[in-house]
Amino acid sequence: MKYKKTKGLLAVAALGITATTAVTLANKYSKKLMYRHHKNDDRPFILETKYSCKNIYIHNGQNIKLHGILLEKENADTTVLIAHPFGLEAKDMALYVPYFKEHLPEANILLIDFCAHGQSDGYIRGFGIKDVQDIVLWNQYILDSYGKDHKIVMYGKEMGANAIINASGKHLLKNVKAIISDGAFTSPYDIIGYRVVTDYKISKYPAIMLIARFIKKSIFIDIKESTVKYARHNDVPTLYFHTRKDEFVPLRMVYSLFNSNRGEKTLFVLKEEKYLYELQENDDYKQTMAHFLEKYVK
């Protein structure tokens, strides 16, 4: 999740605010998280100039139009779905495309915009919980387009990873051969609470309790819903990536997810690299991705 332009909303809490003020600030912060206030500009981006791609649109159960960017490979038997973090969009994941083209050169690549992100419609964000519906719809779109035996790999960054693991733990995914989780957090409640302390230097309590209550009352999403719980029921082979230098999601969260995951799983902690696409796989230890895909996908 990227909590842009929210600093200052809670910072005064560190000065000893009243209970009424604390509630007011928590509500303002919650609104910044819950709602997309304007749709992102449909600006040109690197995929349009470097690769041949096309815009894809589907509708969810609320008739909200969802947007995806498809890089199609002729006669592909596999599609890689790429899901972005909170507050970002499909176009922001362009730097991951060359990495997956290298590892799965004959696969389609589909970058999706979650509801209320990027070029998808809607203004209420899903926190990786309600976004499960988007993941399921895109999963079905791929199978409808390429056949029920078409293989799918799902890669998610932060909230994108949470949505995928949540969907898998609910047994809603079809023909997904592998999941790559990059920087997932244990729950929205945990990560928002962590960011409140880290970004604003205030006590986690009662701030996170007020935020959770306001979000649940406003948009009926319980941010306490735990991805750890769904990892316990995840039976899709999953590669957990996390960088030791992660500036947003603390490393400790990946261990809770990995240890709870019941199915086939691999853990890889990046020591020097900040992003997955910076990984130079030049020795046996760093061949984790290649070995994982070879075992479960190719």
C-alpha atoms as a PDB file:
ATOM      1  CA  MET A   1       0.000   0.000   0.000  1.00  0.00           C
ATOM      2  CA  LYS A   2       1.257   3.484  -0.833  1.00  0.00           C
ATOM      3  CA  TYR A   3      -0.235   6.068   1.506  1.00  0.00           C
ATOM      4  CA  LYS A   4       0.603   9.116  -0.585  1.00  0.00           C
ATOM      5  CA  LYS A   5      -0.127  12.656   0.574  1.00  0.00           C
ATOM      6  CA  THR A   6      -1.449  11.555   3.960  1.00  0.00           C
ATOM      7  CA  LYS A   7       1.417  12.718   6.161  1.00  0.00           C
ATOM      8  CA  GLY A   8       0.345  15.430   8.526  1.00  0.00           C
ATOM      9  CA  LEU A   9      -3.165  14.100   9.010  1.00  0.00           C
ATOM     10  CA  LEU A  10      -2.164  12.135  12.087  1.00  0.00           C
ATOM     11  CA  ALA A  11       1.127  13.767  12.981  1.00  0.00           C
ATOM     12  CA  VAL A  12      -0.394  16.202  15.461  1.00  0.00           C
ATOM     13  CA  ALA A  13      -1.535  13.246  17.521  1.00  0.00           C
ATOM     14  CA  ALA A  14       1.992  13.053  18.841  1.00  0.00           C
ATOM     15  CA  LEU A  15       1.401  16.392  20.615  1.00  0.00           C
ATOM     16  CA  GLY A  16      -1.237  15.062  22.952  1.00  0.00           C
ATOM     17  CA  ILE A  17      -4.549  15.550  21.152  1.00  0.00           C
ATOM     18  CA  THR A  18      -7.997  15.120  22.615  1.00  0.00           C
ATOM     19  CA  ALA A  19     -10.108  12.044  22.013  1.00  0.00           C
ATOM     20  CA  THR A  20     -12.404  14.009  19.714  1.00  0.00           C
ATOM     21  CA  THR A  21      -9.482  15.242  17.647  1.00  0.00           C
ATOM     22  CA  ALA A  22      -8.039  11.720  17.462  1.00  0.00           C
ATOM     23  CA  VAL A  23     -11.317  10.434  16.026  1.00  0.00           C
ATOM     24  CA  THR A  24     -11.466  13.279  13.510  1.00  0.00           C
ATOM     25  CA  LEU A  25      -7.905  12.694  12.308  1.00  0.00           C
ATOM     26  CA  ALA A  26      -8.405   8.928  12.093  1.00  0.00           C
ATOM     27  CA  ASN A  27     -11.526   9.466   9.999  1.00  0.00           C
ATOM     28  CA  LYS A  28      -9.687  11.809   7.625  1.00  0.00           C
ATOM     29  CA  TYR A  29      -6.828   9.335   7.264  1.00  0.00           C
ATOM     30  CA  SER A  30      -9.280   6.499   6.664  1.00  0.00           C
ATOM     31  CA  LYS A  31     -10.972   8.448   3.868  1.00  0.00           C
ATOM     32  CA  LYS A  32      -7.591   8.962   2.189  1.00  0.00           C
ATOM     33  CA  LEU A  33      -7.109   5.201   2.234  1.00  0.00           C
ATOM     34  CA  MET A  34     -10.626   4.153   1.286  1.00  0.00           C
ATOM     35  CA  TYR A  35     -11.398   6.382  -1.668  1.00  0.00           C
ATOM     36  CA  ARG A  36      -9.846   7.209  -5.021  1.00  0.00           C
ATOM     37  CA  HIS A  37     -10.588  10.904  -5.453  1.00  0.00           C
ATOM     38  CA  HIS A  38      -9.785  11.160  -9.158  1.00  0.00           C
ATOM     39  CA  LYS A  39      -9.109   8.715 -11.961  1.00  0.00           C
ATOM     40  CA  ASN A  40      -5.508   8.483 -13.110  1.00  0.00           C
ATOM     41  CA  ASP A  41      -4.671  10.133 -16.422  1.00  0.00           C
ATOM     42  CA  ASP A  42      -4.425   7.753 -19.365  1.00  0.00           C
ATOM     43  CA  ARG A  43      -0.859   8.842 -20.027  1.00  0.00           C
ATOM     44  CA  PRO A  44       1.529   7.150 -22.477  1.00  0.00           C
ATOM     45  CA  PHE A  45       3.785   4.596 -20.853  1.00  0.00           C
ATOM     46  CA  ILE A  46       6.783   2.412 -21.614  1.00  0.00           C
ATOM     47  CA  LEU A  47       4.774  -0.675 -22.611  1.00  0.00           C
ATOM     48  CA  GLU A  48       3.100   1.218 -25.449  1.00  0.00           C
ATOM     49  CA  THR A  49       6.411   2.213 -27.001  1.00  0.00           C
ATOM     50  CA  LYS A  50       8.539  -0.846 -26.246  1.00  0.00           C
ATOM     51  CA  TYR A  51       6.032  -3.680 -26.659  1.00  0.00           C
ATOM     52  CA  SER A  52       2.923  -4.436 -28.641  1.00  0.00           C
ATOM     53  CA  CYS A  53       0.083  -4.425 -26.140  1.00  0.00           C
ATOM     54  CA  LYS A  54      -3.637  -3.829 -25.993  1.00  0.00           C
ATOM     55  CA  ASN A  55      -6.116  -2.544 -23.453  1.00  0.00           C
ATOM     56  CA  ILE A  56      -8.619  -5.080 -22.117  1.00  0.00           C
ATOM     57  CA  TYR A  57     -11.849  -4.268 -20.293  1.00  0.00           C
ATOM     58  CA  ILE A  58     -14.167  -6.491 -18.278  1.00  0.00           C
ATOM     59  CA  HIS A  59     -17.024  -5.734 -15.863  1.00  0.00           C
ATOM     60  CA  ASN A  60     -17.415  -6.952 -12.296  1.00  0.00           C
ATOM     61  CA  GLY A  61     -20.613  -7.894 -10.488  1.00  0.00           C
ATOM     62  CA  GLN A  62     -21.377  -4.228  -9.746  1.00  0.00           C
ATOM     63  CA  ASN A  63     -20.980  -3.402 -13.454  1.00  0.00           C
ATOM     64  CA  ILE A  64     -17.754  -1.521 -12.691  1.00  0.00           C
ATOM     65  CA  LYS A  65     -15.372  -1.538 -15.651  1.00  0.00           C
ATOM     66  CA  LEU A  66     -11.974  -3.064 -14.909  1.00  0.00           C
ATOM     67  CA  HIS A  67      -8.909  -2.408 -17.043  1.00  0.00           C
ATOM     68  CA  GLY A  68      -5.988  -4.607 -17.997  1.00  0.00           C
ATOM     69  CA  ILE A  69      -2.972  -4.352 -20.293  1.00  0.00           C
ATOM     70  CA  LEU A  70      -2.274  -7.479 -22.339  1.00  0.00           C
ATOM     71  CA  LEU A  71       0.995  -8.398 -24.027  1.00  0.00           C
ATOM     72  CA  GLU A  72      -0.035 -11.335 -26.147  1.00  0.00           C
ATOM     73  CA  LYS A  73       2.251 -14.056 -27.480  1.00  0.00           C
ATOM     74  CA  GLU A  74       1.108 -16.162 -30.412  1.00  0.00           C
ATOM     75  CA  ASN A  75       0.138 -19.722 -29.419  1.00  0.00           C
ATOM     76  CA  ALA A  76       0.985 -19.113 -25.765  1.00  0.00           C
ATOM     77  CA  ASP A  77      -0.065 -21.859 -23.358  1.00  0.00           C
ATOM     78  CA  THR A  78       0.620 -19.735 -20.257  1.00  0.00           C
ATOM     79  CA  THR A  79      -0.358 -16.281 -19.024  1.00  0.00           C
ATOM     80  CA  VAL A  80       1.393 -14.338 -16.287  1.00  0.00           C
ATOM     81  CA  LEU A  81      -0.961 -12.038 -14.385  1.00  0.00           C
ATOM     82  CA  ILE A  82       0.733  -9.077 -12.637  1.00  0.00           C
ATOM     83  CA  ALA A  83      -1.102  -7.344  -9.761  1.00  0.00           C
ATOM     84  CA  HIS A  84       0.065  -3.979  -8.421  1.00  0.00           C
ATOM     85  CA  PRO A  85       0.358  -2.585  -4.854  1.00  0.00           C
ATOM     86  CA  PHE A  86      -2.151  -0.322  -3.123  1.00  0.00           C
ATOM     87  CA  GLY A  87      -2.341   3.154  -4.648  1.00  0.00           C
ATOM     88  CA  LEU A  88      -0.342   2.221  -7.754  1.00  0.00           C
ATOM     89  CA  GLU A  89      -1.527   0.854 -11.111  1.00  0.00           C
ATOM     90  CA  ALA A  90      -0.749  -1.583 -13.894  1.00  0.00           C
ATOM     91  CA  LYS A  91       1.514   0.885 -15.713  1.00  0.00           C
ATOM     92  CA  ASP A  92       3.704   1.179 -12.615  1.00  0.00           C
ATOM     93  CA  MET A  93       4.559  -2.517 -12.985  1.00  0.00           C
ATOM     94  CA  ALA A  94       6.109  -2.078 -16.457  1.00  0.00           C
ATOM     95  CA  LEU A  95       9.629  -2.718 -15.138  1.00  0.00           C
ATOM     96  CA  TYR A  96       8.597  -6.250 -14.179  1.00  0.00           C
ATOM     97  CA  VAL A  97       7.644  -7.150 -17.745  1.00  0.00           C
ATOM     98  CA  PRO A  98      11.196  -7.776 -19.081  1.00  0.00           C
ATOM     99  CA  TYR A  99      11.901  -9.977 -16.072  1.00  0.00           C
ATOM    100  CA  PHE A 100       8.932 -12.235 -16.773  1.00  0.00           C
ATOM    101  CA  LYS A 101       9.554 -12.178 -20.527  1.00  0.00           C
ATOM    102  CA  GLU A 102      12.999 -13.566 -19.760  1.00  0.00           C
ATOM    103  CA  HIS A 103      11.739 -16.317 -17.461  1.00  0.00           C
ATOM    104  CA  LEU A 104       8.621 -17.226 -19.458  1.00  0.00           C
ATOM    105  CA  PRO A 105       9.407 -15.967 -22.962  1.00  0.00           C
ATOM    106  CA  GLU A 106       6.488 -17.769 -24.642  1.00  0.00           C
ATOM    107  CA  ALA A 107       3.835 -16.574 -22.176  1.00  0.00           C
ATOM    108  CA  ASN A 108       1.248 -13.823 -22.382  1.00  0.00           C
ATOM    109  CA  ILE A 109       1.574 -11.086 -19.771  1.00  0.00           C
ATOM    110  CA  LEU A 110      -1.515  -9.402 -18.327  1.00  0.00           C
ATOM    111  CA  LEU A 111      -1.132  -6.388 -16.031  1.00  0.00           C
ATOM    112  CA  ILE A 112      -4.335  -5.493 -14.222  1.00  0.00           C
ATOM    113  CA  ASP A 113      -5.740  -2.380 -12.549  1.00  0.00           C
ATOM    114  CA  PHE A 114      -7.705  -3.173  -9.419  1.00  0.00           C
ATOM    115  CA  CYS A 115     -11.032  -1.435  -8.887  1.00  0.00           C
ATOM    116  CA  ALA A 116     -10.484   2.261  -7.995  1.00  0.00           C
ATOM    117  CA  HIS A 117      -6.921   2.125  -9.336  1.00  0.00           C
ATOM    118  CA  GLY A 118      -5.382   3.175 -12.631  1.00  0.00           C
ATOM    119  CA  GLN A 119      -7.776   3.065 -15.566  1.00  0.00           C
ATOM    120  CA  SER A 120     -10.320   0.839 -13.821  1.00  0.00           C
ATOM    121  CA  ASP A 121     -13.518   2.545 -12.706  1.00  0.00           C
ATOM    122  CA  GLY A 122     -14.827   2.746  -9.154  1.00  0.00           C
ATOM    123  CA  TYR A 123     -13.790   4.892  -6.221  1.00  0.00           C
ATOM    124  CA  ILE A 124     -13.842   2.485  -3.237  1.00  0.00           C
ATOM    125  CA  ARG A 125     -10.590   0.584  -2.724  1.00  0.00           C
ATOM    126  CA  GLY A 126     -10.544  -3.038  -1.686  1.00  0.00           C
ATOM    127  CA  PHE A 127      -7.432  -3.352   0.549  1.00  0.00           C
ATOM    128  CA  GLY A 128      -6.581  -6.741  -0.994  1.00  0.00           C
ATOM    129  CA  ILE A 129      -9.791  -8.132   0.527  1.00  0.00           C
ATOM    130  CA  LYS A 130     -12.547  -7.018  -1.797  1.00  0.00           C
ATOM    131  CA  ASP A 131      -9.973  -7.154  -4.626  1.00  0.00           C
ATOM    132  CA  VAL A 132     -10.251 -10.941  -4.508  1.00  0.00           C
ATOM    133  CA  GLN A 133     -13.300 -10.500  -6.750  1.00  0.00           C
ATOM    134  CA  ASP A 134     -11.148  -8.764  -9.383  1.00  0.00           C
ATOM    135  CA  ILE A 135      -8.556 -11.556  -9.310  1.00  0.00           C
ATOM    136  CA  VAL A 136     -11.244 -14.202  -9.805  1.00  0.00           C
ATOM    137  CA  LEU A 137     -12.773 -12.303 -12.735  1.00  0.00           C
ATOM    138  CA  TRP A 138      -9.409 -11.915 -14.486  1.00  0.00           C
ATOM    139  CA  ASN A 139      -8.672 -15.596 -13.846  1.00  0.00           C
ATOM    140  CA  GLN A 140     -11.916 -16.488 -15.625  1.00  0.00           C
ATOM    141  CA  TYR A 141     -11.234 -14.011 -18.440  1.00  0.00           C
ATOM    142  CA  ILE A 142      -7.933 -15.754 -19.197  1.00  0.00           C
ATOM    143  CA  LEU A 143      -9.548 -19.195 -19.293  1.00  0.00           C
ATOM    144  CA  ASP A 144     -12.447 -17.940 -21.416  1.00  0.00           C
ATOM    145  CA  SER A 145      -9.980 -16.382 -23.858  1.00  0.00           C
ATOM    146  CA  TYR A 146      -7.429 -19.183 -24.142  1.00  0.00           C
ATOM    147  CA  GLY A 147      -9.162 -22.347 -22.981  1.00  0.00           C
ATOM    148  CA  LYS A 148      -9.754 -24.174 -19.732  1.00  0.00           C
ATOM    149  CA  ASP A 149      -6.365 -25.927 -19.917  1.00  0.00           C
ATOM    150  CA  HIS A 150      -4.413 -22.672 -20.259  1.00  0.00           C
ATOM    151  CA  LYS A 151      -1.803 -22.352 -17.503  1.00  0.00           C
ATOM    152  CA  ILE A 152      -1.733 -19.278 -15.281  1.00  0.00           C
ATOM    153  CA  VAL A 153       1.004 -17.791 -13.102  1.00  0.00           C
ATOM    154  CA  MET A 154      -0.001 -15.003 -10.732  1.00  0.00           C
ATOM    155  CA  TYR A 155       2.519 -12.461  -9.498  1.00  0.00           C
ATOM    156  CA  GLY A 156       1.501  -9.850  -6.923  1.00  0.00           C
ATOM    157  CA  LYS A 157       3.376  -7.017  -5.300  1.00  0.00           C
ATOM    158  CA  GLU A 158       2.302  -6.114  -1.746  1.00  0.00           C
ATOM    159  CA  MET A 159      -1.510  -5.708  -1.823  1.00  0.00           C
ATOM    160  CA  GLY A 160      -1.595  -7.502  -5.174  1.00  0.00           C
ATOM    161  CA  ALA A 161       0.053 -10.511  -3.549  1.00  0.00           C
ATOM    162  CA  ASN A 162      -2.391 -10.408  -0.644  1.00  0.00           C
ATOM    163  CA  ALA A 163      -5.381 -10.434  -3.009  1.00  0.00           C
ATOM    164  CA  ILE A 164      -3.982 -13.449  -4.865  1.00  0.00           C
ATOM    165  CA  ILE A 165      -3.196 -15.457  -1.714  1.00  0.00           C
ATOM    166  CA  ASN A 166      -6.601 -14.589  -0.260  1.00  0.00           C
ATOM    167  CA  ALA A 167      -8.293 -15.812  -3.446  1.00  0.00           C
ATOM    168  CA  SER A 168      -6.262 -19.016  -3.455  1.00  0.00           C
ATOM    169  CA  GLY A 169      -6.960 -19.665   0.224  1.00  0.00           C
ATOM    170  CA  LYS A 170     -10.668 -19.383  -0.547  1.00  0.00           C
ATOM    171  CA  HIS A 171     -10.159 -21.960  -3.346  1.00  0.00           C
ATOM    172  CA  LEU A 172     -11.478 -19.556  -5.979  1.00  0.00           C
ATOM    173  CA  LEU A 173      -8.646 -19.828  -8.511  1.00  0.00           C
ATOM    174  CA  LYS A 174      -8.762 -22.122 -11.534  1.00  0.00           C
ATOM    175  CA  ASN A 175      -5.748 -23.591 -13.342  1.00  0.00           C
ATOM    176  CA  VAL A 176      -3.318 -21.339 -11.500  1.00  0.00           C
ATOM    177  CA  LYS A 177      -0.108 -23.353 -11.478  1.00  0.00           C
ATOM    178  CA  ALA A 178       2.019 -21.021  -9.360  1.00  0.00           C
ATOM    179  CA  ILE A 179       1.825 -17.880  -7.228  1.00  0.00           C
ATOM    180  CA  ILE A 180       4.695 -15.444  -6.741  1.00  0.00           C
ATOM    181  CA  SER A 181       4.142 -13.291  -3.676  1.00  0.00           C
ATOM    182  CA  ASP A 182       6.419 -10.247  -3.464  1.00  0.00           C
ATOM    183  CA  GLY A 183       6.270  -8.186  -0.274  1.00  0.00           C
ATOM    184  CA  ALA A 184       2.888  -9.380   0.983  1.00  0.00           C
ATOM    185  CA  PHE A 185       1.771  -8.248   4.449  1.00  0.00           C
ATOM    186  CA  THR A 186      -0.059 -10.243   7.108  1.00  0.00           C
ATOM    187  CA  SER A 187      -3.224  -8.086   7.045  1.00  0.00           C
ATOM    188  CA  PRO A 188      -4.281  -4.518   6.157  1.00  0.00           C
ATOM    189  CA  TYR A 189      -4.755  -3.919   9.892  1.00  0.00           C
ATOM    190  CA  ASP A 190      -1.159  -4.900  10.607  1.00  0.00           C
ATOM    191  CA  ILE A 191       0.420  -2.878   7.808  1.00  0.00           C
ATOM    192  CA  ILE A 192      -1.657   0.249   8.431  1.00  0.00           C
ATOM    193  CA  GLY A 193      -0.845   0.032  12.131  1.00  0.00           C
ATOM    194  CA  TYR A 194       2.833  -0.352  11.300  1.00  0.00           C
ATOM    195  CA  ARG A 195       2.756   2.641   8.934  1.00  0.00           C
ATOM    196  CA  VAL A 196       0.999   4.815  11.523  1.00  0.00           C
ATOM    197  CA  VAL A 197       3.874   4.225  13.934  1.00  0.00           C
ATOM    198  CA  THR A 198       6.635   4.433  11.308  1.00  0.00           C
ATOM    199  CA  ASP A 199       5.385   7.429   9.335  1.00  0.00           C
ATOM    200  CA  TYR A 200       3.801   9.538  12.061  1.00  0.00           C
ATOM    201  CA  LYS A 201       5.713   8.473  15.180  1.00  0.00           C
ATOM    202  CA  ILE A 202       2.541   8.014  17.207  1.00  0.00           C
ATOM    203  CA  SER A 203       1.184   5.151  19.236  1.00  0.00           C
ATOM    204  CA  LYS A 204      -0.423   2.369  17.241  1.00  0.00           C
ATOM    205  CA  TYR A 205      -3.328   2.382  19.683  1.00  0.00           C
ATOM    206  CA  PRO A 206      -5.941   3.772  19.604  1.00  0.00           C
ATOM    207  CA  ALA A 207      -5.201   5.069  16.058  1.00  0.00           C
ATOM    208  CA  ILE A 208      -5.457   1.727  14.249  1.00  0.00           C
ATOM    209  CA  MET A 209      -8.578   0.747  16.199  1.00  0.00           C
ATOM    210  CA  LEU A 210     -10.295   3.988  15.179  1.00  0.00           C
ATOM    211  CA  ILE A 211      -9.207   3.575  11.544  1.00  0.00           C
ATOM    212  CA  ALA A 212     -10.395  -0.044  11.399  1.00  0.00           C
ATOM    213  CA  ARG A 213     -13.748   0.878  12.934  1.00  0.00           C
ATOM    214  CA  PHE A 214     -14.308   3.770  10.532  1.00  0.00           C
ATOM    215  CA  ILE A 215     -13.422   1.695   7.446  1.00  0.00           C
ATOM    216  CA  LYS A 216     -15.689  -1.146   8.479  1.00  0.00           C
ATOM    217  CA  LYS A 217     -18.584   1.218   9.190  1.00  0.00           C
ATOM    218  CA  SER A 218     -18.096   3.175   5.951  1.00  0.00           C
ATOM    219  CA  ILE A 219     -17.384   0.513   3.314  1.00  0.00           C
ATOM    220  CA  PHE A 220     -18.025  -2.767   5.164  1.00  0.00           C
ATOM    221  CA  ILE A 221     -14.467  -4.048   4.851  1.00  0.00           C
ATOM    222  CA  ASP A 222     -12.874  -5.611   7.907  1.00  0.00           C
ATOM    223  CA  ILE A 223      -9.188  -4.743   7.580  1.00  0.00           C
ATOM    224  CA  LYS A 224      -8.433  -7.261  10.340  1.00  0.00           C
ATOM    225  CA  GLU A 225      -9.104 -10.039   7.819  1.00  0.00           C
ATOM    226  CA  SER A 226      -5.826 -11.931   7.805  1.00  0.00           C
ATOM    227  CA  THR A 227      -3.941 -13.258   4.790  1.00  0.00           C
ATOM    228  CA  VAL A 228      -2.168 -15.597   7.224  1.00  0.00           C
ATOM    229  CA  LYS A 229      -5.526 -17.330   7.683  1.00  0.00           C
ATOM    230  CA  TYR A 230      -5.928 -17.829   3.943  1.00  0.00           C
ATOM    231  CA  ALA A 231      -2.316 -18.947   3.508  1.00  0.00           C
ATOM    232  CA  ARG A 232      -3.183 -21.895   5.753  1.00  0.00           C
ATOM    233  CA  HIS A 233      -5.605 -23.057   3.041  1.00  0.00           C
ATOM    234  CA  ASN A 234      -3.470 -22.131   0.031  1.00  0.00           C
ATOM    235  CA  ASP A 235      -2.669 -25.254  -1.959  1.00  0.00           C
ATOM    236  CA  VAL A 236      -1.203 -23.522  -5.038  1.00  0.00           C
ATOM    237  CA  PRO A 237       2.630 -23.714  -5.091  1.00  0.00           C
ATOM    238  CA  THR A 238       3.811 -20.319  -3.832  1.00  0.00           C
ATOM    239  CA  LEU A 239       7.143 -18.553  -3.988  1.00  0.00           C
ATOM    240  CA  TYR A 240       7.450 -15.932  -1.260  1.00  0.00           C
ATOM    241  CA  PHE A 241       9.813 -13.106  -2.137  1.00  0.00           C
ATOM    242  CA  HIS A 242      10.679 -10.338   0.291  1.00  0.00           C
ATOM    243  CA  THR A 243      13.567  -7.921   0.334  1.00  0.00           C
ATOM    244  CA  ARG A 244      15.564  -7.400   3.494  1.00  0.00           C
ATOM    245  CA  LYS A 245      15.661  -3.703   2.588  1.00  0.00           C
ATOM    246  CA  ASP A 246      11.899  -3.425   2.133  1.00  0.00           C
ATOM    247  CA  GLU A 247      11.016   0.134   3.127  1.00  0.00           C
ATOM    248  CA  PHE A 248       7.299  -0.475   3.348  1.00  0.00           C
ATOM    249  CA  VAL A 249       6.449  -3.981   4.573  1.00  0.00           C
ATOM    250  CA  PRO A 250       8.656  -5.308   7.402  1.00  0.00           C
ATOM    251  CA  LEU A 251      10.496  -8.546   6.645  1.00  0.00           C
ATOM    252  CA  ARG A 252       9.008 -10.323   9.658  1.00  0.00           C
ATOM    253  CA  MET A 253       5.592 -10.439   7.994  1.00  0.00           C
ATOM    254  CA  VAL A 254       6.731 -12.837   5.267  1.00  0.00           C
ATOM    255  CA  TYR A 255       7.747 -15.436   7.854  1.00  0.00           C
ATOM    256  CA  SER A 256       4.224 -15.515   9.303  1.00  0.00           C
ATOM    257  CA  LEU A 257       2.791 -16.076   5.829  1.00  0.00           C
ATOM    258  CA  PHE A 258       5.375 -18.646   4.780  1.00  0.00           C
ATOM    259  CA  ASN A 259       5.170 -20.665   7.993  1.00  0.00           C
ATOM    260  CA  SER A 260       1.367 -20.762   7.793  1.00  0.00           C
ATOM    261  CA  ASN A 261       1.202 -21.727   4.107  1.00  0.00           C
ATOM    262  CA  ARG A 262       0.095 -25.346   3.897  1.00  0.00           C
ATOM    263  CA  GLY A 263       0.949 -26.167   0.274  1.00  0.00           C
ATOM    264  CA  GLU A 264       4.201 -26.343  -1.663  1.00  0.00           C
ATOM    265  CA  LYS A 265       6.199 -23.227  -0.822  1.00  0.00           C
ATOM    266  CA  THR A 266       9.582 -21.587  -1.229  1.00  0.00           C
ATOM    267  CA  LEU A 267      10.977 -18.570   0.627  1.00  0.00           C
ATOM    268  CA  PHE A 268      13.536 -16.242  -0.935  1.00  0.00           C
ATOM    269  CA  VAL A 269      14.817 -13.162   0.897  1.00  0.00           C
ATOM    270  CA  LEU A 270      16.574 -10.646  -1.339  1.00  0.00           C
ATOM    271  CA  LYS A 271      19.593  -9.305   0.524  1.00  0.00           C
ATOM    272  CA  GLU A 272      20.989  -6.565  -1.685  1.00  0.00           C
ATOM    273  CA  GLU A 273      18.330  -5.995  -4.337  1.00  0.00           C
ATOM    274  CA  LYS A 274      15.415  -3.700  -3.603  1.00  0.00           C
ATOM    275  CA  TYR A 275      13.147  -5.084  -6.336  1.00  0.00           C
ATOM    276  CA  LEU A 276      12.622  -8.501  -7.887  1.00  0.00           C
ATOM    277  CA  TYR A 277      13.593  -7.251 -11.360  1.00  0.00           C
ATOM    278  CA  GLU A 278      17.008  -6.203 -10.002  1.00  0.00           C
ATOM    279  CA  LEU A 279      17.835  -9.809  -9.130  1.00  0.00           C
ATOM    280  CA  GLN A 280      20.903 -11.072 -10.986  1.00  0.00           C
ATOM    281  CA  GLU A 281      20.521 -14.835 -11.124  1.00  0.00           C
ATOM    282  CA  ASN A 282      24.123 -15.794 -11.588  1.00  0.00           C
ATOM    283  CA  ASP A 283      24.570 -18.666  -9.139  1.00  0.00           C
ATOM    284  CA  ASP A 284      22.653 -21.642  -7.793  1.00  0.00           C
ATOM    285  CA  TYR A 285      21.255 -19.723  -4.830  1.00  0.00           C
ATOM    286  CA  LYS A 286      19.793 -17.029  -7.052  1.00  0.00           C
ATOM    287  CA  GLN A 287      18.237 -19.469  -9.520  1.00  0.00           C
ATOM    288  CA  THR A 288      15.223 -19.756  -7.245  1.00  0.00           C
ATOM    289  CA  MET A 289      12.735 -18.251  -9.697  1.00  0.00           C
ATOM    290  CA  ALA A 290      13.948 -20.324 -12.649  1.00  0.00           C
ATOM    291  CA  HIS A 291      13.821 -23.556 -10.639  1.00  0.00           C
ATOM    292  CA  PHE A 292      10.376 -22.712  -9.250  1.00  0.00           C
ATOM    293  CA  LEU A 293       8.876 -22.034 -12.675  1.00  0.00           C
ATOM    294  CA  GLU A 294      10.575 -25.076 -14.190  1.00  0.00           C
ATOM    295  CA  LYS A 295       9.062 -27.322 -11.524  1.00  0.00           C
ATOM    296  CA  TYR A 296       5.495 -26.017 -11.490  1.00  0.00           C
ATOM    297  CA  VAL A 297       4.836 -24.291 -14.809  1.00  0.00           C
ATOM    298  CA  LYS A 298       7.029 -25.331 -17.736  1.00  0.00           C
END
